[in-house]
Amino acid sequence: MSYKDLREFLEQVDKIGELTRLDGVDWDLEVGEVARVAPNTVLMDNFPGYPPGYRVVVKMGGSQSQFFLATNWSTDARGLELTKAWKDRLKEFKPISPRWVTDGPIMENVSTGEDINLLKFPVPKWHDADGGRYIGTQDMIILRDPETGRINCGTYRMQLYDKNTVALYMSEGKDGNMIREKYFRQGKPCPVVAVFGMDPALTMCALSRITHEDGKSELDFAGWLKGMPEEVIRGQFTGLPIPANAEIAIEGEITAGDTRMEGPFGEAGGYSEPRALPVVRVKTLYHRNAPIITGTAPLYSPPGRGELHQDFFRATALIWDQLEKAGVREIKGVSCYYGNRLTVISIRNCYAGHSRQAGLIASACHTGSYQGSWVIVVDDDIDPTCLNDVLWAVLTRADPKRAIQVLDYLWSSHMSLIDPSRPFIKAEYPLMPEKATYRSGVVVDACIPVEWDHSWHRIITHTQELEDRVRDKYGQTLFMKGSRQPVSARSSRESGITKQIGGADLS
């Protein structure tokens, strides 16, 4: 079922019973906690001190059913096969270029000059230790490369300072950062558009990490997901495309040397610190009547809460695809955790060096290289979506001297330098400038070496036939006290995988 904008999508989410409405939530910390604990999408209204209708939506697109709604696609595949199906679906991508229009809902309210006031929106402070309120956590930043003219879209966090000033954090090596630096080298300010309320197709295109050729942009990807062109207006100040059906958007410019301290902010890794960043001076504000901010709390969960974050559809599918395009054969599965900080690859190990090749390419490919510190390669009898199996393979098949390869001078970001390993990084690179955010990485080859005699590697376990017989004969007595734990570890793993897919955060 197609949708034109965020509101139509939320209507569909409501019809499948996955939309909760809350009134009176405080923008100061409560929104962030609601976003963390809510099982599904929450639309919040009637914020204290703000007019009715100024809303915030969180946890959008976070379930498997919503993912299917957002992508106009469905499949009966589950678990690892679901990831594979999405990887194959991405190969069918055919750009649908945006359509320029002269008007749209985003034009219902337009402010310039002294009339601009971003403080009229209930912008959340997401975490107690954050340095301020963050209007951009599930946003889309739109830039034009001054050398090629190509439009680029990405998601980067934005802190709100006052009615017309926001910070924009764009990691080193990201397209947005490189485009901004091109303007600075030319001695020009960088024009920018930021969208703060949008449908999941635009969210996914901004997060896609997909590279396009022939001048195409992420907006072409959004059109493909929706099955129709994304309607865009031409920004009055920048001339950049602005989604005509978005909820809130700003135009502004970034000038070299115009900086303020940004952060800290509770990023997905759990660590953060303030940093001087270039700011955006807002020149035009657009918003719909009764606007909706789309937002998300980062994925990190404090120790002791037992929450596991697997990425099934973004980094996982793209890394799998990039491995295949690089010529790595016999890949049976890929699973990423905490973005792609840990990537697990399951392969049928066919020749000497095959498993190491897979690990090194995963560390260096476009999607896998950014902050991807750990790569583990396992045999095809190991389910990469089950960390219990992966850990068992590492402990029983990976000889540390042979299996562990440490890599150096890898692509990273400022985020990688604010965790507890930073003192070691600074000691290793004492003259490293602020922008040179190197990191190291590890490839763990937990495959049985292909040259070994495999005849003695059979795992001693019971058969499915025996498990079924024991269940039939003794199940009622064994489980009579209410304990319905599966008999086998295999069944337990299958249950866990289903639960993790259902809770996967795709926002």
Protein backbone atom coordinates (compact mmCIF):
# COMPACT_ATOMS: atom_id res chain seq x y z
CA MET A 1 0.00 0.00 0.00
CA SER A 2 1.55 3.29 -1.08
CA TYR A 3 1.59 6.53 0.90
CA LYS A 4 2.32 10.12 0.00
CA ASP A 5 3.52 11.54 3.31
CA LEU A 6 4.08 10.88 6.99
CA ARG A 7 0.42 11.34 7.89
CA GLU A 8 -0.80 8.76 5.41
CA PHE A 9 1.84 6.34 6.68
CA LEU A 10 0.79 6.86 10.31
CA GLU A 11 -2.82 6.15 9.31
CA GLN A 12 -1.67 2.79 7.96
CA VAL A 13 0.32 2.11 11.13
CA ASP A 14 -2.80 2.91 13.16
CA LYS A 15 -4.86 0.43 11.11
CA ILE A 16 -2.48 -2.43 11.96
CA GLY A 17 -2.67 -1.55 15.67
CA GLU A 18 0.88 -0.27 16.10
CA LEU A 19 0.23 3.42 16.85
CA THR A 20 -0.15 4.74 20.40
CA ARG A 21 -1.18 8.33 21.17
CA LEU A 22 0.01 10.14 24.28
CA ASP A 23 -0.91 13.59 25.58
CA GLY A 24 0.94 15.81 28.03
CA VAL A 25 4.40 14.26 27.70
CA ASP A 26 7.21 16.61 28.77
CA TRP A 27 9.74 17.44 26.04
CA ASP A 28 12.40 17.53 28.77
CA LEU A 29 13.63 13.88 29.05
CA GLU A 30 10.22 12.14 28.98
CA VAL A 31 10.10 11.94 25.18
CA GLY A 32 13.47 10.17 25.15
CA GLU A 33 12.38 7.58 27.69
CA VAL A 34 9.09 6.97 25.88
CA ALA A 35 11.10 6.39 22.70
CA ARG A 36 13.31 3.88 24.50
CA VAL A 37 10.65 1.77 26.20
CA ALA A 38 7.73 1.91 23.75
CA PRO A 39 7.20 -1.34 21.81
CA ASN A 40 5.83 0.47 18.76
CA THR A 41 5.19 3.91 17.27
CA VAL A 42 4.09 6.70 19.61
CA LEU A 43 2.55 10.00 18.49
CA MET A 44 2.74 12.63 21.24
CA ASP A 45 0.62 15.79 21.41
CA ASN A 46 -0.42 18.54 23.85
CA PHE A 47 3.03 19.23 25.23
CA PRO A 48 2.96 21.51 28.28
CA GLY A 49 3.55 25.09 27.13
CA TYR A 50 2.91 24.37 23.44
CA PRO A 51 -0.23 24.66 21.29
CA PRO A 52 -2.25 21.50 20.61
CA GLY A 53 -1.25 19.91 17.33
CA TYR A 54 2.49 20.53 17.66
CA ARG A 55 3.52 16.89 17.79
CA VAL A 56 6.45 14.47 18.02
CA VAL A 57 6.46 10.89 16.70
CA VAL A 58 9.00 8.26 17.79
CA LYS A 59 9.71 4.58 17.05
CA MET A 60 8.44 4.94 13.50
CA GLY A 61 9.17 1.99 11.22
CA GLY A 62 10.57 -0.09 14.06
CA SER A 63 8.65 -3.30 13.43
CA GLN A 64 8.79 -5.82 10.63
CA SER A 65 5.22 -5.03 9.58
CA GLN A 66 5.99 -1.30 9.43
CA PHE A 67 9.12 -2.01 7.42
CA PHE A 68 6.96 -3.77 4.85
CA LEU A 69 4.53 -0.83 4.83
CA ALA A 70 7.37 1.65 4.42
CA THR A 71 8.97 -0.20 1.51
CA ASN A 72 5.77 -1.30 -0.30
CA TRP A 73 7.20 -4.80 -0.19
CA SER A 74 6.57 -8.04 1.65
CA THR A 75 7.95 -11.55 1.86
CA ASP A 76 7.27 -14.73 3.78
CA ALA A 77 10.97 -15.05 4.57
CA ARG A 78 12.02 -14.75 8.19
CA GLY A 79 15.27 -14.63 10.13
CA LEU A 80 18.41 -14.67 8.03
CA GLU A 81 16.38 -15.37 4.89
CA LEU A 82 14.57 -12.08 5.42
CA THR A 83 17.85 -10.18 5.34
CA LYS A 84 18.88 -12.05 2.19
CA ALA A 85 15.54 -11.25 0.56
CA TRP A 86 16.00 -7.53 1.27
CA LYS A 87 19.56 -7.66 -0.10
CA ASP A 88 18.21 -9.17 -3.30
CA ARG A 89 15.40 -6.63 -3.39
CA LEU A 90 17.94 -3.78 -3.36
CA LYS A 91 19.42 -5.17 -6.57
CA GLU A 92 16.13 -4.29 -8.30
CA PHE A 93 16.56 -0.58 -7.51
CA LYS A 94 15.53 1.64 -10.41
CA PRO A 95 15.75 5.39 -9.75
CA ILE A 96 12.55 7.44 -9.83
CA SER A 97 13.59 11.07 -10.04
CA PRO A 98 11.83 13.67 -7.89
CA ARG A 99 9.16 15.89 -9.44
CA TRP A 100 9.45 19.66 -9.06
CA VAL A 101 6.24 21.37 -7.92
CA THR A 102 5.47 24.98 -7.05
CA ASP A 103 3.40 24.35 -3.94
CA GLY A 104 2.73 21.77 -1.26
CA PRO A 105 1.72 21.32 2.40
CA ILE A 106 5.20 22.38 3.55
CA MET A 107 4.33 25.88 2.26
CA GLU A 108 1.40 26.33 4.66
CA ASN A 109 3.62 28.39 6.96
CA VAL A 110 6.74 30.18 5.71
CA SER A 111 8.87 32.45 7.91
CA THR A 112 11.95 34.53 7.17
CA GLY A 113 14.13 36.98 9.07
CA GLU A 114 13.02 37.86 12.59
CA ASP A 115 9.84 35.80 12.19
CA ILE A 116 11.80 32.53 12.28
CA ASN A 117 11.31 30.74 15.60
CA LEU A 118 12.37 27.12 15.99
CA LEU A 119 11.58 27.35 19.71
CA LYS A 120 7.87 27.16 18.95
CA PHE A 121 8.24 23.42 18.38
CA PRO A 122 8.40 20.93 21.32
CA VAL A 123 11.98 19.92 20.54
CA PRO A 124 13.04 17.14 22.95
CA LYS A 125 15.97 16.95 25.27
CA TRP A 126 16.49 13.21 24.82
CA HIS A 127 18.89 12.29 27.65
CA ASP A 128 19.74 13.77 31.03
CA ALA A 129 23.40 14.42 30.18
CA ASP A 130 22.74 15.94 26.75
CA GLY A 131 24.10 19.42 26.19
CA GLY A 132 20.75 20.70 25.00
CA ARG A 133 17.69 20.01 22.89
CA TYR A 134 18.10 18.08 19.63
CA ILE A 135 15.70 18.85 16.80
CA GLY A 136 17.52 16.59 14.35
CA THR A 137 17.75 12.93 15.36
CA GLN A 138 15.68 11.41 12.54
CA ASP A 139 16.15 14.18 10.02
CA MET A 140 17.35 14.60 6.46
CA ILE A 141 20.10 17.03 5.46
CA ILE A 142 20.11 18.09 1.79
CA LEU A 143 23.22 19.55 0.13
CA ARG A 144 24.47 20.18 -3.40
CA ASP A 145 28.05 19.29 -4.33
CA PRO A 146 29.55 22.56 -5.65
CA GLU A 147 31.81 20.67 -8.07
CA THR A 148 29.43 18.08 -9.55
CA GLY A 149 26.02 19.62 -8.84
CA ARG A 150 24.83 16.31 -7.40
CA ILE A 151 22.22 16.44 -4.63
CA ASN A 152 23.14 14.50 -1.50
CA CYS A 153 20.88 13.52 1.39
CA GLY A 154 21.97 12.18 4.76
CA THR A 155 21.00 11.96 8.40
CA TYR A 156 23.12 14.00 10.82
CA ARG A 157 22.28 15.18 14.29
CA MET A 158 21.29 18.81 14.93
CA GLN A 159 21.29 20.63 18.27
CA LEU A 160 18.95 23.59 18.75
CA TYR A 161 20.50 26.70 20.34
CA ASP A 162 17.96 29.45 19.83
CA LYS A 163 15.16 30.47 17.50
CA ASN A 164 17.32 30.54 14.35
CA THR A 165 20.59 28.73 15.10
CA VAL A 166 21.34 25.00 15.08
CA ALA A 167 24.50 22.89 15.12
CA LEU A 168 25.11 20.27 12.45
CA TYR A 169 27.38 17.30 13.22
CA MET A 170 28.62 15.57 10.06
CA SER A 171 31.25 12.87 10.60
CA GLU A 172 34.62 12.99 8.88
CA GLY A 173 34.54 11.10 5.60
CA LYS A 174 30.77 11.34 5.23
CA ASP A 175 29.41 12.90 2.04
CA GLY A 176 27.92 15.87 3.88
CA ASN A 177 31.20 16.72 5.58
CA MET A 178 33.15 16.51 2.33
CA ILE A 179 30.62 18.69 0.48
CA ARG A 180 30.72 21.34 3.21
CA GLU A 181 34.54 21.39 3.10
CA LYS A 182 34.45 21.96 -0.67
CA TYR A 183 32.48 25.17 -0.12
CA PHE A 184 34.89 26.25 2.60
CA ARG A 185 37.90 25.68 0.34
CA GLN A 186 36.24 27.89 -2.26
CA GLY A 187 35.75 30.59 0.37
CA LYS A 188 31.96 30.28 0.19
CA PRO A 189 29.27 29.52 2.78
CA CYS A 190 27.61 26.13 2.41
CA PRO A 191 23.86 26.26 1.66
CA VAL A 192 21.85 23.56 3.43
CA VAL A 193 18.31 22.27 3.89
CA ALA A 194 17.23 20.25 6.93
CA VAL A 195 13.95 18.34 7.17
CA PHE A 196 12.66 17.45 10.65
CA GLY A 197 9.41 15.63 9.91
CA MET A 198 9.13 13.12 7.07
CA ASP A 199 7.80 9.74 6.01
CA PRO A 200 9.87 6.54 6.38
CA ALA A 201 10.84 6.40 2.69
CA LEU A 202 12.68 9.69 3.13
CA THR A 203 14.12 8.44 6.42
CA MET A 204 15.43 5.30 4.74
CA CYS A 205 16.86 7.20 1.79
CA ALA A 206 18.74 9.52 4.15
CA LEU A 207 20.11 6.53 6.06
CA SER A 208 20.61 4.29 3.06
CA ARG A 209 24.41 4.51 2.58
CA ILE A 210 23.65 3.63 -1.02
CA THR A 211 25.91 5.17 -3.65
CA HIS A 212 24.26 6.31 -6.86
CA GLU A 213 25.73 6.88 -10.28
CA ASP A 214 24.90 9.26 -13.14
CA GLY A 215 24.05 12.15 -10.84
CA LYS A 216 21.19 10.37 -9.09
CA SER A 217 20.52 11.12 -5.44
CA GLU A 218 18.93 9.48 -2.43
CA LEU A 219 15.66 11.19 -3.41
CA ASP A 220 15.55 8.81 -6.39
CA PHE A 221 15.75 5.94 -3.90
CA ALA A 222 12.81 7.36 -1.93
CA GLY A 223 10.77 7.53 -5.13
CA TRP A 224 11.57 3.89 -5.86
CA LEU A 225 10.49 2.83 -2.37
CA LYS A 226 7.18 4.68 -2.73
CA GLY A 227 6.63 3.69 -6.33
CA MET A 228 6.11 7.33 -7.36
CA PRO A 229 8.24 10.47 -7.69
CA GLU A 230 9.00 12.44 -4.54
CA GLU A 231 7.45 15.89 -4.97
CA VAL A 232 9.85 18.71 -4.12
CA ILE A 233 9.68 22.50 -4.06
CA ARG A 234 12.63 24.75 -4.79
CA GLY A 235 13.97 26.42 -1.65
CA GLN A 236 13.53 30.19 -1.67
CA PHE A 237 16.99 30.86 -0.22
CA THR A 238 19.14 27.93 -1.38
CA GLY A 239 17.39 26.65 -4.50
CA LEU A 240 17.76 23.15 -3.05
CA PRO A 241 14.94 20.58 -3.29
CA ILE A 242 12.65 20.38 -0.26
CA PRO A 243 10.09 17.54 0.02
CA ALA A 244 6.75 19.24 -0.58
CA ASN A 245 4.88 16.93 1.80
CA ALA A 246 7.36 17.14 4.68
CA GLU A 247 6.29 18.47 8.08
CA ILE A 248 9.07 20.93 8.98
CA ALA A 249 12.07 22.18 6.99
CA ILE A 250 14.66 24.92 7.24
CA GLU A 251 17.05 26.57 4.82
CA GLY A 252 20.28 28.08 5.99
CA GLU A 253 23.98 28.41 5.43
CA ILE A 254 27.16 27.31 7.17
CA THR A 255 30.14 29.64 7.25
CA ALA A 256 33.73 28.56 7.96
CA GLY A 257 34.84 29.65 11.42
CA ASP A 258 31.29 30.25 12.69
CA THR A 259 31.26 27.61 15.43
CA ARG A 260 29.69 26.84 18.80
CA MET A 261 30.15 24.03 21.30
CA GLU A 262 27.87 21.12 20.43
CA GLY A 263 26.91 18.28 22.74
CA PRO A 264 27.34 16.15 24.59
CA PHE A 265 24.68 13.88 23.13
CA GLY A 266 23.86 10.27 24.02
CA GLU A 267 24.93 8.62 20.79
CA ALA A 268 24.46 4.96 19.91
CA GLY A 269 27.84 3.99 21.35
CA GLY A 270 26.84 5.35 24.74
CA TYR A 271 29.62 7.93 25.02
CA SER A 272 29.72 11.58 24.01
CA GLU A 273 31.50 14.83 24.68
CA PRO A 274 31.12 18.47 23.58
CA ARG A 275 32.94 19.70 20.51
CA ALA A 276 33.14 22.96 18.56
CA LEU A 277 31.12 22.60 15.35
CA PRO A 278 30.05 24.90 12.51
CA VAL A 279 26.51 26.18 13.00
CA VAL A 280 23.64 26.68 10.58
CA ARG A 281 22.18 30.18 10.47
CA VAL A 282 18.54 29.64 9.52
CA LYS A 283 17.23 31.86 6.71
CA THR A 284 13.83 30.28 6.00
CA LEU A 285 11.48 28.14 8.08
CA TYR A 286 8.72 26.05 6.50
CA HIS A 287 6.12 23.95 8.29
CA ARG A 288 2.71 22.42 7.88
CA ASN A 289 -0.24 23.21 10.08
CA ALA A 290 -0.14 20.94 13.16
CA PRO A 291 3.45 19.85 12.37
CA ILE A 292 5.06 16.59 13.46
CA ILE A 293 8.73 16.20 14.41
CA THR A 294 10.13 12.75 13.63
CA GLY A 295 12.71 11.67 16.20
CA THR A 296 14.50 8.73 17.69
CA ALA A 297 16.53 7.97 20.78
CA PRO A 298 19.87 6.33 19.87
CA LEU A 299 20.14 2.57 20.12
CA TYR A 300 22.47 2.24 23.09
CA SER A 301 21.13 0.44 26.17
CA PRO A 302 22.91 0.73 29.53
CA PRO A 303 24.68 -2.32 30.95
CA GLY A 304 22.44 -4.79 32.73
CA ARG A 305 19.33 -4.30 30.63
CA GLY A 306 20.10 -7.23 28.38
CA GLU A 307 19.01 -5.54 25.16
CA LEU A 308 20.66 -6.68 21.92
CA HIS A 309 20.53 -4.48 18.83
CA GLN A 310 20.83 -6.21 15.48
CA ASP A 311 20.68 -4.34 12.19
CA PHE A 312 18.87 -6.57 9.71
CA PHE A 313 18.07 -4.25 6.85
CA ARG A 314 20.49 -1.34 6.57
CA ALA A 315 24.14 -2.17 7.19
CA THR A 316 23.64 -5.94 7.06
CA ALA A 317 22.07 -6.14 3.60
CA LEU A 318 24.46 -3.56 2.15
CA ILE A 319 27.61 -5.24 3.51
CA TRP A 320 26.37 -8.58 2.20
CA ASP A 321 25.78 -7.04 -1.23
CA GLN A 322 29.16 -5.29 -1.28
CA LEU A 323 30.95 -8.51 -0.34
CA GLU A 324 29.32 -10.28 -3.27
CA LYS A 325 30.15 -7.43 -5.65
CA ALA A 326 33.78 -7.67 -4.52
CA GLY A 327 33.82 -11.32 -5.57
CA VAL A 328 33.52 -13.08 -2.21
CA ARG A 329 31.72 -16.35 -2.90
CA GLU A 330 29.62 -18.75 -0.84
CA ILE A 331 28.34 -16.22 1.69
CA LYS A 332 25.59 -17.87 3.71
CA GLY A 333 24.68 -15.02 6.02
CA VAL A 334 25.64 -11.64 7.48
CA SER A 335 24.51 -10.00 10.69
CA CYS A 336 25.45 -6.61 12.15
CA TYR A 337 25.17 -5.43 15.74
CA TYR A 338 25.03 -1.88 17.09
CA GLY A 339 24.98 -0.39 13.61
CA ASN A 340 27.94 -2.19 12.14
CA ARG A 341 30.38 -2.00 15.04
CA LEU A 342 30.34 -5.80 14.97
CA THR A 343 29.77 -7.69 11.72
CA VAL A 344 29.47 -11.47 11.62
CA ILE A 345 29.82 -13.30 8.29
CA SER A 346 28.97 -16.95 7.71
CA ILE A 347 30.59 -18.58 4.67
CA ARG A 348 31.21 -21.99 3.18
CA ASN A 349 35.00 -21.93 3.47
CA CYS A 350 36.15 -23.15 0.06
CA TYR A 351 39.86 -22.37 -0.27
CA ALA A 352 42.85 -21.24 1.74
CA GLY A 353 42.49 -17.55 2.53
CA HIS A 354 38.76 -17.47 1.71
CA SER A 355 37.58 -16.64 5.23
CA ARG A 356 40.30 -14.02 5.73
CA GLN A 357 39.38 -12.45 2.39
CA ALA A 358 35.77 -12.10 3.52
CA GLY A 359 36.78 -10.49 6.80
CA LEU A 360 39.19 -8.00 5.26
CA ILE A 361 36.75 -6.90 2.57
CA ALA A 362 33.99 -6.46 5.13
CA SER A 363 36.36 -4.19 7.06
CA ALA A 364 37.16 -2.13 3.98
CA CYS A 365 33.92 -1.96 1.98
CA HIS A 366 32.01 1.33 2.00
CA THR A 367 29.35 0.35 4.53
CA GLY A 368 31.46 -1.93 6.69
CA SER A 369 34.43 0.37 7.08
CA TYR A 370 32.72 3.23 8.92
CA GLN A 371 33.17 2.52 12.65
CA GLY A 372 33.16 -1.21 11.95
CA SER A 373 35.77 -2.21 14.50
CA TRP A 374 35.06 -5.94 14.77
CA VAL A 375 34.49 -8.55 12.05
CA ILE A 376 34.04 -12.24 12.86
CA VAL A 377 33.96 -14.85 10.10
CA VAL A 378 32.39 -18.23 10.89
CA ASP A 379 31.64 -21.45 9.01
CA ASP A 380 28.29 -22.05 7.34
CA ASP A 381 27.08 -24.27 10.19
CA ILE A 382 27.04 -21.20 12.46
CA ASP A 383 24.03 -18.89 12.51
CA PRO A 384 25.43 -15.31 12.39
CA THR A 385 22.24 -13.96 14.00
CA CYS A 386 22.87 -16.04 17.14
CA LEU A 387 25.73 -14.58 19.18
CA ASN A 388 25.74 -17.68 21.39
CA ASP A 389 26.73 -19.79 18.38
CA VAL A 390 29.18 -17.16 17.15
CA LEU A 391 30.91 -17.00 20.53
CA TRP A 392 31.09 -20.79 20.65
CA ALA A 393 32.79 -20.81 17.24
CA VAL A 394 35.31 -18.18 18.34
CA LEU A 395 36.13 -20.09 21.53
CA THR A 396 36.46 -23.51 19.89
CA ARG A 397 37.73 -22.78 16.37
CA ALA A 398 39.78 -19.58 16.56
CA ASP A 399 43.37 -20.02 17.71
CA PRO A 400 44.30 -16.46 18.80
CA LYS A 401 47.75 -16.46 17.21
CA ARG A 402 46.45 -17.60 13.83
CA ALA A 403 42.92 -16.25 13.81
CA ILE A 404 43.20 -12.64 14.97
CA GLN A 405 44.41 -9.94 12.59
CA VAL A 406 44.66 -6.34 13.81
CA LEU A 407 44.17 -3.60 11.22
CA ASP A 408 45.29 0.02 11.50
CA TYR A 409 44.50 3.46 10.07
CA LEU A 410 40.85 2.66 9.34
CA TRP A 411 38.04 5.12 8.61
CA SER A 412 36.21 6.31 11.67
CA SER A 413 34.65 9.40 13.19
CA HIS A 414 34.87 11.58 16.25
CA MET A 415 32.41 9.15 17.89
CA SER A 416 35.05 6.43 17.94
CA LEU A 417 37.44 8.67 19.87
CA ILE A 418 35.15 9.37 22.82
CA ASP A 419 34.84 5.85 24.18
CA PRO A 420 37.14 4.47 26.91
CA SER A 421 39.72 3.39 24.32
CA ARG A 422 40.53 7.01 23.45
CA PRO A 423 43.59 7.31 25.73
CA PHE A 424 45.15 4.38 23.90
CA ILE A 425 44.34 5.90 20.50
CA LYS A 426 45.85 9.24 21.52
CA ALA A 427 48.95 7.49 22.84
CA GLU A 428 49.31 5.58 19.58
CA TYR A 429 48.84 8.71 17.44
CA PRO A 430 50.11 11.59 19.64
CA LEU A 431 50.31 14.04 16.73
CA MET A 432 46.95 13.11 15.24
CA PRO A 433 45.03 16.29 14.33
CA GLU A 434 41.43 16.75 15.39
CA LYS A 435 39.98 15.80 12.00
CA ALA A 436 42.17 12.71 11.51
CA THR A 437 39.97 10.20 13.30
CA TYR A 438 41.83 6.97 12.67
CA ARG A 439 40.98 3.77 14.45
CA SER A 440 42.11 0.18 14.50
CA GLY A 441 40.04 -2.89 13.76
CA VAL A 442 40.04 -6.64 14.25
CA VAL A 443 39.21 -9.53 11.95
CA VAL A 444 38.61 -12.80 13.79
CA ASP A 445 38.80 -15.86 11.53
CA ALA A 446 36.70 -18.40 13.43
CA CYS A 447 36.45 -20.83 10.51
CA ILE A 448 37.99 -24.28 10.60
CA PRO A 449 41.03 -24.02 8.28
CA VAL A 450 40.08 -25.47 4.92
CA GLU A 451 43.33 -27.46 4.72
CA TRP A 452 42.56 -29.40 7.91
CA ASP A 453 41.03 -32.87 7.96
CA HIS A 454 37.36 -32.13 8.69
CA SER A 455 36.34 -35.72 9.38
CA TRP A 456 36.77 -35.33 13.15
CA HIS A 457 34.92 -32.01 13.43
CA ARG A 458 31.42 -33.46 13.62
CA ILE A 459 29.53 -31.88 16.51
CA ILE A 460 28.15 -34.49 18.89
CA THR A 461 24.50 -33.71 19.58
CA HIS A 462 21.07 -35.32 19.43
CA THR A 463 18.80 -35.60 16.40
CA GLN A 464 15.54 -33.83 15.71
CA GLU A 465 13.82 -37.22 15.73
CA LEU A 466 15.03 -37.86 19.28
CA GLU A 467 13.95 -34.41 20.44
CA ASP A 468 10.46 -34.94 19.01
CA ARG A 469 10.17 -38.37 20.63
CA VAL A 470 11.16 -37.04 24.07
CA ARG A 471 8.70 -34.17 23.74
CA ASP A 472 5.87 -36.53 22.83
CA LYS A 473 6.60 -39.01 25.63
CA TYR A 474 7.62 -36.75 28.50
CA GLY A 475 6.77 -33.17 27.55
CA GLN A 476 3.64 -32.88 29.67
CA THR A 477 5.48 -34.00 32.80
CA LEU A 478 8.64 -31.99 32.11
CA PHE A 479 6.72 -28.75 31.56
CA MET A 480 3.87 -29.27 34.02
CA LYS A 481 5.20 -26.59 36.41
CA GLY A 482 4.72 -23.93 33.75
CA SER A 483 8.26 -23.87 32.41
CA ARG A 484 7.90 -23.92 28.65
CA GLN A 485 11.58 -23.60 27.78
CA PRO A 486 12.43 -25.46 24.55
CA VAL A 487 14.25 -28.74 24.92
CA SER A 488 17.00 -27.92 22.45
CA ALA A 489 19.35 -25.00 22.07
CA ARG A 490 18.33 -24.88 18.43
CA SER A 491 14.70 -24.12 19.27
CA SER A 492 15.82 -21.50 21.76
CA ARG A 493 17.91 -19.78 19.12
CA GLU A 494 15.01 -19.76 16.67
CA SER A 495 12.79 -18.11 19.26
CA GLY A 496 15.43 -15.51 19.98
CA ILE A 497 15.91 -14.66 16.32
CA THR A 498 12.19 -14.09 15.86
CA LYS A 499 12.08 -11.81 18.87
CA GLN A 500 15.08 -9.79 17.72
CA ILE A 501 13.66 -9.27 14.23
CA GLY A 502 10.38 -8.11 15.69
CA GLY A 503 12.21 -5.58 17.82
CA ALA A 504 14.69 -4.41 15.20
CA ASP A 505 14.92 -0.63 15.11
CA LEU A 506 14.80 0.43 11.46
CA SER A 507 14.32 4.13 12.09
